[in-house]
């Protein structure tokens, strides 16, 4: 994937580039700062669909020497994979713009930033490919006026997930009490390479029922999706109510529950 890295423009303003930071810059120490309290997307999983850019918020704290001017460097949060975080990282994601910071004391800055996530797709303009869904580490970096960078990793983890979709169809409708109801459906998830949804195979999915007038679903059974993501099972009609499939999600794929399908039992 491409690395969107913070680089310092000749004007002194921070911009973002699709180029990795040159190794020569990494040899010189960056700003004397440390990062803490990094939270991305309020600690929730980051879920990305087939085409639309997803933008999430991040907050973090910068600690610096009192004599280091906050205007002499810019900073931002990052997601990365691998054992190290820095110039040699292969997989790294940063936002399109540097963070915005406010001084809470002479040594502490409270900062916020945005990070964008774009499915790569068939035109190759985005960043994400499907194989990169899963657990990512969190880090942050600061860049000074000479382009020197301070990297700090191991500030937490997050899940970058492919959006899941799930359908439910219960039939026949209506049905006589004690007769068999057949419930079909399909579990699919976003493919960031094709910008389409594709069936998610061999995944455990719960069949649930909510009696008419109740607000609570009860799990009837758990079945697995087919090789193409389809679902099919049967149950006995007992009372008017709603049937749905529900998927708990994985590290790579979001959780999802289908809308309930009402069956009138006569």
Protein backbone atom coordinates (compact mmCIF):
# COMPACT_ATOMS: atom_id res chain seq x y z
CA UNK A 1 0.00 0.00 0.00
CA UNK A 2 1.06 3.63 -0.30
CA UNK A 3 2.48 5.43 2.71
CA UNK A 4 0.93 8.82 3.31
CA UNK A 5 3.69 10.47 5.32
CA UNK A 6 4.01 13.91 6.89
CA UNK A 7 6.66 15.98 5.14
CA UNK A 8 7.58 19.62 5.56
CA UNK A 9 7.08 21.81 2.52
CA UNK A 10 9.65 24.43 1.55
CA UNK A 11 7.33 27.17 2.80
CA UNK A 12 7.46 25.72 6.29
CA UNK A 13 3.85 24.55 6.22
CA UNK A 14 3.14 20.90 6.80
CA UNK A 15 1.67 18.99 3.89
CA UNK A 16 1.02 15.35 3.11
CA UNK A 17 2.73 13.35 0.41
CA UNK A 18 2.34 9.89 -1.07
CA UNK A 19 6.12 9.53 -0.80
CA UNK A 20 7.83 7.78 2.09
CA UNK A 21 10.18 9.89 4.21
CA UNK A 22 13.76 9.73 2.82
CA UNK A 23 16.25 7.73 4.86
CA UNK A 24 18.59 10.72 5.03
CA UNK A 25 16.02 12.64 7.05
CA UNK A 26 15.58 9.80 9.49
CA UNK A 27 19.24 10.06 10.59
CA UNK A 28 18.73 13.45 12.27
CA UNK A 29 16.79 13.65 15.53
CA UNK A 30 13.35 15.19 15.29
CA UNK A 31 11.54 17.43 17.78
CA UNK A 32 12.08 16.54 21.46
CA UNK A 33 8.47 15.53 22.08
CA UNK A 34 6.59 12.51 23.38
CA UNK A 35 3.03 11.39 22.72
CA UNK A 36 0.37 9.95 25.02
CA UNK A 37 -3.39 9.44 25.38
CA UNK A 38 -3.83 8.65 21.69
CA UNK A 39 -7.40 7.67 20.87
CA UNK A 40 -8.58 6.99 17.32
CA UNK A 41 -12.29 6.90 16.44
CA UNK A 42 -13.14 7.12 20.16
CA UNK A 43 -11.64 3.66 20.60
CA UNK A 44 -14.15 2.03 18.25
CA UNK A 45 -13.37 -0.20 15.26
CA UNK A 46 -12.86 1.61 11.94
CA UNK A 47 -15.31 0.21 9.38
CA UNK A 48 -14.86 0.92 5.65
CA UNK A 49 -17.23 0.02 2.82
CA UNK A 50 -16.63 -0.51 -0.88
CA UNK A 51 -16.13 2.99 -2.28
CA UNK A 52 -16.68 5.91 0.10
CA UNK A 53 -13.86 7.56 2.02
CA UNK A 54 -14.23 7.13 5.78
CA UNK A 55 -12.85 9.92 7.96
CA UNK A 56 -12.34 9.36 11.68
CA UNK A 57 -11.24 11.70 14.45
CA UNK A 58 -8.22 11.24 16.71
CA UNK A 59 -7.09 12.98 19.88
CA UNK A 60 -3.67 12.89 21.54
CA UNK A 61 -1.38 14.71 23.95
CA UNK A 62 2.07 16.09 23.11
CA UNK A 63 4.60 16.72 25.88
CA UNK A 64 7.51 19.03 25.01
CA UNK A 65 10.23 21.12 26.66
CA UNK A 66 9.06 24.55 27.77
CA UNK A 67 11.60 26.22 25.47
CA UNK A 68 10.42 24.32 22.37
CA UNK A 69 7.94 26.46 20.46
CA UNK A 70 4.74 24.69 19.48
CA UNK A 71 4.90 26.48 16.13
CA UNK A 72 8.30 24.94 15.29
CA UNK A 73 6.85 21.51 14.49
CA UNK A 74 3.70 19.75 13.35
CA UNK A 75 2.36 16.37 14.43
CA UNK A 76 -0.17 13.71 13.62
CA UNK A 77 -1.40 10.21 14.55
CA UNK A 78 -0.78 7.13 12.44
CA UNK A 79 -1.81 3.52 11.98
CA UNK A 80 0.94 1.05 11.15
CA UNK A 81 1.72 -2.65 10.94
CA UNK A 82 4.94 -4.45 11.68
CA UNK A 83 7.42 -4.54 14.54
CA UNK A 84 8.76 -1.01 14.07
CA UNK A 85 7.24 2.39 13.38
CA UNK A 86 9.33 4.75 11.31
CA UNK A 87 10.86 5.57 7.96
CA UNK A 88 11.25 1.89 7.04
CA UNK A 89 7.64 0.92 7.82
CA UNK A 90 5.93 -0.77 4.89
CA UNK A 91 2.33 -0.28 6.00
CA UNK A 92 1.38 3.10 7.44
CA UNK A 93 -1.65 5.38 7.24
CA UNK A 94 -1.80 9.03 8.24
CA UNK A 95 -4.34 11.77 7.68
CA UNK A 96 -4.37 14.23 4.82
CA UNK A 97 -3.51 17.08 7.19
CA UNK A 98 -1.44 17.55 10.32
CA UNK A 99 -3.09 17.74 13.73
CA UNK A 100 -4.30 20.92 15.39
CA UNK A 101 -2.92 21.56 18.88
CA UNK A 102 -3.78 23.88 21.76
CA UNK A 103 -1.40 24.55 24.64
CA UNK A 104 -2.75 23.56 28.05
CA UNK A 105 0.56 24.53 29.68
CA UNK A 106 4.09 25.49 28.62
CA UNK A 107 4.94 21.80 28.19
CA UNK A 108 1.66 20.12 27.21
CA UNK A 109 -0.35 20.34 23.98
CA UNK A 110 -3.82 18.88 23.50
CA UNK A 111 -4.25 17.87 19.88
CA UNK A 112 -6.86 16.59 17.45
CA UNK A 113 -6.62 15.27 13.91
CA UNK A 114 -8.50 13.46 11.15
CA UNK A 115 -7.46 10.26 9.38
CA UNK A 116 -8.93 9.24 6.01
CA UNK A 117 -9.42 5.66 4.79
CA UNK A 118 -9.97 5.02 1.07
CA UNK A 119 -10.64 1.62 -0.57
CA UNK A 120 -8.06 1.10 -3.32
CA UNK A 121 -10.48 -0.24 -5.90
CA UNK A 122 -9.91 -1.05 -9.53
CA UNK A 123 -8.65 2.44 -10.38
CA UNK A 124 -5.88 2.23 -7.77
CA UNK A 125 -6.45 5.70 -6.34
CA UNK A 126 -7.14 4.64 -2.74
CA UNK A 127 -4.96 3.19 -0.01
CA UNK A 128 -6.66 0.05 1.29
CA UNK A 129 -6.60 -3.46 -0.12
CA UNK A 130 -8.71 -6.24 1.36
CA UNK A 131 -5.79 -8.20 2.79
CA UNK A 132 -4.93 -5.24 5.04
CA UNK A 133 -8.09 -5.51 7.12
CA UNK A 134 -7.44 -6.52 10.72
CA UNK A 135 -5.44 -5.27 13.69
CA UNK A 136 -3.27 -2.16 13.29
CA UNK A 137 -0.98 -0.50 15.81
CA UNK A 138 -1.24 3.17 16.71
CA UNK A 139 1.61 5.67 16.67
CA UNK A 140 2.30 9.37 16.23
CA UNK A 141 5.02 11.53 14.69
CA UNK A 142 6.28 15.10 14.78
CA UNK A 143 8.10 16.97 12.00
CA UNK A 144 10.24 20.09 12.51
CA UNK A 145 11.10 22.92 10.10
CA UNK A 146 14.08 21.03 8.67
CA UNK A 147 12.06 17.91 7.94
CA UNK A 148 13.46 15.95 10.89
CA UNK A 149 11.00 13.46 12.33
CA UNK A 150 10.29 11.98 15.75
CA UNK A 151 8.44 8.65 15.64
CA UNK A 152 6.67 7.01 18.58
CA UNK A 153 4.90 3.69 18.22
CA UNK A 154 3.06 1.25 20.47
CA UNK A 155 0.45 3.78 21.53
CA UNK A 156 -2.41 1.29 21.22
CA UNK A 157 -4.20 -0.82 18.63
CA UNK A 158 -7.35 -0.64 16.54
CA UNK A 159 -9.27 -2.83 14.11
CA UNK A 160 -9.58 -1.72 10.50
CA UNK A 161 -12.60 -3.66 9.22
CA UNK A 162 -14.48 -4.39 6.01
CA UNK A 163 -18.18 -3.48 6.18
CA UNK A 164 -20.51 -6.49 6.39
CA UNK A 165 -24.05 -6.79 5.03
CA UNK A 166 -26.63 -9.41 6.00
CA UNK A 167 -30.11 -10.28 4.71
CA UNK A 168 -32.96 -12.40 6.07
CA UNK A 169 -36.05 -13.84 4.35
CA UNK A 170 -38.47 -16.06 6.30
CA UNK A 171 -41.21 -17.99 4.48
CA UNK A 172 -43.97 -18.91 4.02
CA UNK A 173 -45.92 -15.87 5.15
CA UNK A 174 -48.43 -16.45 6.72
CA UNK A 175 -47.88 -19.90 8.18
CA UNK A 176 -49.86 -22.24 10.42
CA UNK A 177 -48.65 -22.82 13.97
CA UNK A 178 -46.42 -25.89 14.21
CA UNK A 179 -45.46 -25.80 10.54
CA UNK A 180 -41.94 -25.34 9.21
CA UNK A 181 -40.50 -21.93 8.42
CA UNK A 182 -37.52 -21.70 6.07
CA UNK A 183 -35.15 -18.81 6.69
CA UNK A 184 -32.65 -17.81 4.00
CA UNK A 185 -30.13 -15.00 3.80
CA UNK A 186 -26.66 -13.95 2.78
CA UNK A 187 -23.61 -12.57 4.59
CA UNK A 188 -21.33 -10.41 2.44
CA UNK A 189 -18.50 -7.99 3.09
CA UNK A 190 -16.78 -5.16 1.27
CA UNK A 191 -13.99 -6.06 -1.12
CA UNK A 192 -11.64 -3.08 -1.22
CA UNK A 193 -9.94 -4.39 -4.37
CA UNK A 194 -13.07 -4.56 -6.55
CA UNK A 195 -15.32 -1.96 -4.86
CA UNK A 196 -18.04 -4.61 -4.56
CA UNK A 197 -19.55 -6.80 -1.85
CA UNK A 198 -18.74 -10.52 -1.92
CA UNK A 199 -20.07 -13.48 0.09
CA UNK A 200 -18.27 -14.27 3.36
CA UNK A 201 -17.84 -18.03 3.58
CA UNK A 202 -17.94 -20.50 6.51
CA UNK A 203 -18.82 -17.90 9.13
CA UNK A 204 -21.01 -18.61 12.20
CA UNK A 205 -24.28 -16.70 12.08
CA UNK A 206 -27.10 -16.76 14.63
CA UNK A 207 -30.76 -17.20 13.71
CA UNK A 208 -32.77 -15.08 16.14
CA UNK A 209 -36.47 -14.55 16.89
CA UNK A 210 -38.35 -11.65 18.46
CA UNK A 211 -41.95 -12.28 19.46
CA UNK A 212 -44.49 -9.65 18.40
CA UNK A 213 -44.72 -7.01 21.13
CA UNK A 214 -41.26 -7.81 22.52
CA UNK A 215 -38.10 -5.74 22.08
CA UNK A 216 -35.67 -8.61 22.66
CA UNK A 217 -34.30 -11.15 20.19
CA UNK A 218 -33.61 -14.73 21.34
CA UNK A 219 -31.09 -16.94 19.56
CA UNK A 220 -32.66 -20.11 18.15
CA UNK A 221 -29.56 -21.70 16.58
CA UNK A 222 -26.19 -20.97 15.01
CA UNK A 223 -25.35 -22.05 11.47
CA UNK A 224 -22.45 -21.38 9.09
CA UNK A 225 -22.51 -19.59 5.78
CA UNK A 226 -21.90 -21.53 2.58
CA UNK A 227 -18.87 -21.09 0.35
CA UNK A 228 -20.69 -18.16 -1.26
CA UNK A 229 -21.96 -16.62 1.98
CA UNK A 230 -25.54 -17.88 1.72
CA UNK A 231 -27.60 -19.08 4.68
CA UNK A 232 -30.51 -21.51 4.88
CA UNK A 233 -32.14 -23.25 7.81
CA UNK A 234 -35.56 -24.19 9.17
CA UNK A 235 -37.47 -23.61 12.39
CA UNK A 236 -40.96 -24.31 13.73
CA UNK A 237 -43.64 -21.63 13.71
CA UNK A 238 -44.75 -20.91 17.28
CA UNK A 239 -46.02 -17.32 17.39
CA UNK A 240 -46.21 -14.09 15.42
CA UNK A 241 -42.83 -12.43 15.32
CA UNK A 242 -39.65 -11.39 13.57
CA UNK A 243 -36.80 -13.60 12.36
CA UNK A 244 -33.34 -12.30 11.62
CA UNK A 245 -29.75 -13.43 11.15
CA UNK A 246 -27.01 -11.84 13.28
CA UNK A 247 -23.23 -11.92 12.76
CA UNK A 248 -20.84 -11.09 15.60
CA UNK A 249 -18.01 -9.94 13.32
CA UNK A 250 -14.30 -10.77 13.22
CA UNK A 251 -11.11 -8.74 13.51
CA UNK A 252 -11.31 -8.09 9.76
CA UNK A 253 -15.06 -7.68 9.30
CA UNK A 254 -17.73 -5.63 11.10
CA UNK A 255 -20.62 -7.08 13.06
CA UNK A 256 -24.08 -6.83 11.52
CA UNK A 257 -27.67 -7.85 12.21
CA UNK A 258 -30.25 -8.08 9.45
CA UNK A 259 -33.60 -6.34 9.67
CA UNK A 260 -36.24 -8.62 11.15
CA UNK A 261 -38.64 -10.36 8.74
CA UNK A 262 -42.16 -10.63 10.20
CA UNK A 263 -44.09 -13.90 9.98
CA UNK A 264 -47.80 -14.09 10.79
CA UNK A 265 -48.58 -17.40 12.52
CA UNK A 266 -52.20 -18.51 12.20
